Amino acid sequence: MLVHSYIYYQMDSHVVSDDFWQVKADQLAELQAIHGTKFDFYDEAFADWDGSTGCHLPADEWVIRNAHRVLDYIADGEE
């Protein structure tokens, strides 16, 4: 969610379709409703997240680095 949201909102690109992202976002929101959000991994960012958008999700060094890795990997496969 973090990496793909960064790619979509900050890099103006995409790796997965909007429909696929929404299915996964809804699944994550459902799992959070059942199990909570205490995972010690971006807990605050997902505390009130309902899966409707990823535009507010954090973009720290880890997210940015991995977003670039994903896009580089895809670009390498297209050559």
C-alpha atoms as a PDB file:
ATOM      1  CA  MET A   1       0.000   0.000   0.000  1.00  0.00           C
ATOM      2  CA  LEU A   2       2.738   2.447   0.948  1.00  0.00           C
ATOM      3  CA  VAL A   3       4.979   1.880  -2.054  1.00  0.00           C
ATOM      4  CA  HIS A   4       2.194   1.702  -4.606  1.00  0.00           C
ATOM      5  CA  SER A   5       0.491   4.772  -3.172  1.00  0.00           C
ATOM      6  CA  TYR A   6       3.748   6.696  -3.457  1.00  0.00           C
ATOM      7  CA  ILE A   7       4.216   5.547  -7.048  1.00  0.00           C
ATOM      8  CA  TYR A   8       0.656   6.591  -7.893  1.00  0.00           C
ATOM      9  CA  TYR A   9       0.368   9.906  -6.057  1.00  0.00           C
ATOM     10  CA  GLN A  10       3.942  11.198  -6.048  1.00  0.00           C
ATOM     11  CA  MET A  11       5.498   9.664  -9.143  1.00  0.00           C
ATOM     12  CA  ASP A  12       2.376   9.854 -11.318  1.00  0.00           C
ATOM     13  CA  SER A  13       2.753   6.257 -12.414  1.00  0.00           C
ATOM     14  CA  HIS A  14       1.237   2.893 -11.554  1.00  0.00           C
ATOM     15  CA  VAL A  15       2.227  -0.727 -11.282  1.00  0.00           C
ATOM     16  CA  VAL A  16      -1.140  -2.282 -10.535  1.00  0.00           C
ATOM     17  CA  SER A  17      -4.582  -1.296 -11.754  1.00  0.00           C
ATOM     18  CA  ASP A  18      -6.822   0.892  -9.633  1.00  0.00           C
ATOM     19  CA  ASP A  19      -9.243  -2.026  -9.300  1.00  0.00           C
ATOM     20  CA  PHE A  20      -6.545  -4.411  -8.051  1.00  0.00           C
ATOM     21  CA  TRP A  21      -5.254  -1.816  -5.580  1.00  0.00           C
ATOM     22  CA  GLN A  22      -8.774  -1.251  -4.266  1.00  0.00           C
ATOM     23  CA  VAL A  23      -9.376  -4.971  -3.764  1.00  0.00           C
ATOM     24  CA  LYS A  24      -6.163  -5.240  -1.738  1.00  0.00           C
ATOM     25  CA  ALA A  25      -6.920  -2.030   0.179  1.00  0.00           C
ATOM     26  CA  ASP A  26     -10.362  -3.346   1.102  1.00  0.00           C
ATOM     27  CA  GLN A  27      -8.861  -6.664   2.205  1.00  0.00           C
ATOM     28  CA  LEU A  28      -6.319  -4.875   4.388  1.00  0.00           C
ATOM     29  CA  ALA A  29      -8.982  -2.620   5.924  1.00  0.00           C
ATOM     30  CA  GLU A  30     -11.094  -5.697   6.693  1.00  0.00           C
ATOM     31  CA  LEU A  31      -8.147  -7.483   8.311  1.00  0.00           C
ATOM     32  CA  GLN A  32      -7.403  -4.391  10.382  1.00  0.00           C
ATOM     33  CA  ALA A  33     -11.016  -4.249  11.549  1.00  0.00           C
ATOM     34  CA  ILE A  34     -10.756  -7.853  12.695  1.00  0.00           C
ATOM     35  CA  HIS A  35      -7.221  -7.905  14.115  1.00  0.00           C
ATOM     36  CA  GLY A  36      -6.375  -4.276  14.852  1.00  0.00           C
ATOM     37  CA  THR A  37      -3.400  -2.270  13.644  1.00  0.00           C
ATOM     38  CA  LYS A  38      -0.715  -2.854  16.253  1.00  0.00           C
ATOM     39  CA  PHE A  39       2.099  -4.302  14.145  1.00  0.00           C
ATOM     40  CA  ASP A  40       4.944  -1.872  14.962  1.00  0.00           C
ATOM     41  CA  PHE A  41       5.132  -1.047  11.262  1.00  0.00           C
ATOM     42  CA  TYR A  42       3.494   2.253  10.274  1.00  0.00           C
ATOM     43  CA  ASP A  43       0.803   1.769  12.947  1.00  0.00           C
ATOM     44  CA  GLU A  44      -0.096   5.461  13.095  1.00  0.00           C
ATOM     45  CA  ALA A  45      -0.472   5.777   9.321  1.00  0.00           C
ATOM     46  CA  PHE A  46      -2.962   2.942   9.221  1.00  0.00           C
ATOM     47  CA  ALA A  47      -4.738   3.603  12.537  1.00  0.00           C
ATOM     48  CA  ASP A  48      -7.887   5.105  11.015  1.00  0.00           C
ATOM     49  CA  TRP A  49      -7.349   3.929   7.461  1.00  0.00           C
ATOM     50  CA  ASP A  50     -10.453   2.636   5.706  1.00  0.00           C
ATOM     51  CA  GLY A  51      -8.873   1.690   2.380  1.00  0.00           C
ATOM     52  CA  SER A  52     -10.580   4.441   0.397  1.00  0.00           C
ATOM     53  CA  THR A  53      -7.342   6.210  -0.586  1.00  0.00           C
ATOM     54  CA  GLY A  54      -3.620   6.056  -0.118  1.00  0.00           C
ATOM     55  CA  CYS A  55      -2.910   9.725  -0.759  1.00  0.00           C
ATOM     56  CA  HIS A  56      -2.127  10.470   2.902  1.00  0.00           C
ATOM     57  CA  LEU A  57       0.125   7.474   3.541  1.00  0.00           C
ATOM     58  CA  PRO A  58       3.691   8.318   4.603  1.00  0.00           C
ATOM     59  CA  ALA A  59       6.576   8.524   2.174  1.00  0.00           C
ATOM     60  CA  ASP A  60       9.748   8.042   4.143  1.00  0.00           C
ATOM     61  CA  GLU A  61      13.134   6.899   2.857  1.00  0.00           C
ATOM     62  CA  TRP A  62      12.099   3.216   2.864  1.00  0.00           C
ATOM     63  CA  VAL A  63       8.942   3.889   0.827  1.00  0.00           C
ATOM     64  CA  ILE A  64      10.706   6.139  -1.689  1.00  0.00           C
ATOM     65  CA  ARG A  65      13.642   3.752  -2.152  1.00  0.00           C
ATOM     66  CA  ASN A  66      11.339   0.797  -2.755  1.00  0.00           C
ATOM     67  CA  ALA A  67       9.084   2.744  -5.112  1.00  0.00           C
ATOM     68  CA  HIS A  68      12.099   3.509  -7.279  1.00  0.00           C
ATOM     69  CA  ARG A  69      13.229  -0.121  -7.099  1.00  0.00           C
ATOM     70  CA  VAL A  70       9.828  -1.330  -8.300  1.00  0.00           C
ATOM     71  CA  LEU A  71       9.745   1.093 -11.227  1.00  0.00           C
ATOM     72  CA  ASP A  72      13.382   0.311 -12.121  1.00  0.00           C
ATOM     73  CA  TYR A  73      12.603  -3.412 -12.073  1.00  0.00           C
ATOM     74  CA  ILE A  74       9.659  -2.910 -14.407  1.00  0.00           C
ATOM     75  CA  ALA A  75      11.701  -0.687 -16.734  1.00  0.00           C
ATOM     76  CA  ASP A  76      14.466  -3.293 -16.883  1.00  0.00           C
ATOM     77  CA  GLY A  77      11.923  -5.935 -17.879  1.00  0.00           C
ATOM     78  CA  GLU A  78      10.638  -3.784 -20.738  1.00  0.00           C
ATOM     79  CA  GLU A  79      14.051  -3.437 -22.378  1.00  0.00           C
END
